[in-house]
C-alpha atoms as a PDB file:
ATOM      1  CA  MET A   1    -105.615   9.549 -49.530  1.00  0.00           C
ATOM      2  CA  THR A   2    -104.497  10.949 -45.528  1.00  0.00           C
ATOM      3  CA  GLN A   3    -104.812  15.041 -45.399  1.00  0.00           C
ATOM      4  CA  LEU A   4    -101.786  16.353 -43.127  1.00  0.00           C
ATOM      5  CA  LYS A   5    -102.050  20.093 -42.273  1.00  0.00           C
ATOM      6  CA  ILE A   6     -98.945  21.686 -41.559  1.00  0.00           C
ATOM      7  CA  LEU A   7     -97.716  24.998 -40.056  1.00  0.00           C
ATOM      8  CA  GLN A   8     -95.091  26.960 -41.081  1.00  0.00           C
ATOM      9  CA  ASP A   9     -92.912  28.109 -39.189  1.00  0.00           C
ATOM     10  CA  GLN A  10     -93.748  30.852 -36.680  1.00  0.00           C
ATOM     11  CA  SER A  11     -96.061  32.024 -39.569  1.00  0.00           C
ATOM     12  CA  ASP A  12    -100.237  31.706 -39.252  1.00  0.00           C
ATOM     13  CA  LYS A  13    -100.438  29.731 -43.001  1.00  0.00           C
ATOM     14  CA  THR A  14    -100.886  26.713 -42.978  1.00  0.00           C
ATOM     15  CA  GLU A  15     -99.979  24.239 -46.480  1.00  0.00           C
ATOM     16  CA  THR A  16    -102.168  20.551 -46.445  1.00  0.00           C
ATOM     17  CA  LEU A  17    -100.872  17.406 -48.066  1.00  0.00           C
ATOM     18  CA  ARG A  18    -102.264  14.931 -49.815  1.00  0.00           C
ATOM     19  CA  LEU A  19    -100.813  11.753 -47.883  1.00  0.00           C
ATOM     20  CA  SER A  20    -100.538   8.299 -50.100  1.00  0.00           C
ATOM     21  CA  PRO A  21    -100.817   5.304 -47.861  1.00  0.00           C
ATOM     22  CA  GLN A  22     -97.730   4.155 -47.748  1.00  0.00           C
ATOM     23  CA  GLU A  23     -96.358   7.414 -46.503  1.00  0.00           C
ATOM     24  CA  VAL A  24     -98.663   6.921 -43.525  1.00  0.00           C
ATOM     25  CA  ALA A  25     -97.414   4.088 -43.042  1.00  0.00           C
ATOM     26  CA  VAL A  26     -94.234   5.579 -42.273  1.00  0.00           C
ATOM     27  CA  ILE A  27     -95.118   8.611 -40.001  1.00  0.00           C
ATOM     28  CA  GLU A  28     -97.269   6.181 -38.133  1.00  0.00           C
ATOM     29  CA  SER A  29     -93.957   3.394 -38.176  1.00  0.00           C
ATOM     30  CA  LEU A  30     -91.753   6.394 -36.851  1.00  0.00           C
ATOM     31  CA  ARG A  31     -94.502   7.420 -33.892  1.00  0.00           C
ATOM     32  CA  ALA A  32     -94.722   3.787 -32.832  1.00  0.00           C
ATOM     33  CA  LEU A  33     -90.794   4.022 -32.220  1.00  0.00           C
ATOM     34  CA  ARG A  34     -89.472   4.778 -28.390  1.00  0.00           C
ATOM     35  CA  PHE A  35     -85.624   3.927 -29.847  1.00  0.00           C
ATOM     36  CA  GLY A  36     -84.821   2.370 -33.000  1.00  0.00           C
ATOM     37  CA  SER A  37     -85.140   2.713 -36.434  1.00  0.00           C
ATOM     38  CA  VAL A  38     -86.817   2.933 -40.059  1.00  0.00           C
ATOM     39  CA  GLU A  39     -85.409   2.278 -42.897  1.00  0.00           C
ATOM     40  CA  VAL A  40     -87.963   3.235 -45.689  1.00  0.00           C
ATOM     41  CA  VAL A  41     -87.186   1.122 -49.305  1.00  0.00           C
ATOM     42  CA  LEU A  42     -88.128   2.637 -52.637  1.00  0.00           C
ATOM     43  CA  HIS A  43     -87.987   1.023 -56.141  1.00  0.00           C
ATOM     44  CA  GLN A  44     -88.586   3.954 -58.972  1.00  0.00           C
ATOM     45  CA  GLY A  45     -89.327   6.438 -56.503  1.00  0.00           C
ATOM     46  CA  ARG A  46     -92.140   4.206 -54.463  1.00  0.00           C
ATOM     47  CA  VAL A  47     -91.935   2.798 -51.409  1.00  0.00           C
ATOM     48  CA  THR A  48     -91.699  -1.098 -51.317  1.00  0.00           C
ATOM     49  CA  GLN A  49     -91.018  -2.072 -47.487  1.00  0.00           C
ATOM     50  CA  ILE A  50     -90.990   0.060 -44.486  1.00  0.00           C
ATOM     51  CA  LEU A  51     -88.400  -1.733 -42.546  1.00  0.00           C
ATOM     52  CA  ARG A  52     -88.737  -1.448 -38.017  1.00  0.00           C
ATOM     53  CA  SER A  53     -86.098  -2.068 -36.016  1.00  0.00           C
ATOM     54  CA  GLU A  54     -87.126  -1.285 -31.886  1.00  0.00           C
ATOM     55  CA  ARG A  55     -85.013  -1.066 -29.036  1.00  0.00           C
ATOM     56  CA  ILE A  56     -86.494  -1.522 -25.628  1.00  0.00           C
ATOM     57  CA  ARG A  57     -84.325  -0.835 -23.187  1.00  0.00           C
ATOM     58  CA  PHE A  58     -84.181  -1.791 -19.329  1.00  0.00           C
ATOM     59  CA  GLU A  59     -83.360   0.348 -16.190  1.00  0.00           C
ATOM     60  CA  THR A  60     -80.465  -0.887 -14.508  1.00  0.00           C
ATOM     61  CA  ALA A  61     -80.608  -2.645 -11.414  1.00  0.00           C
END
């Protein structure tokens, strides 16, 4: 399990959450994208698939 510390809005309180490998994979998929989407498929409350669709944008000449 990976730990994630969350700083709550406008307070000095932090909360530590334990993340499963699947939750870490979702976060990593989100961070890896610049443009696109991430679809998380669940089965009985568990992550079974992560689908990542990435768009590559080119500057118009």
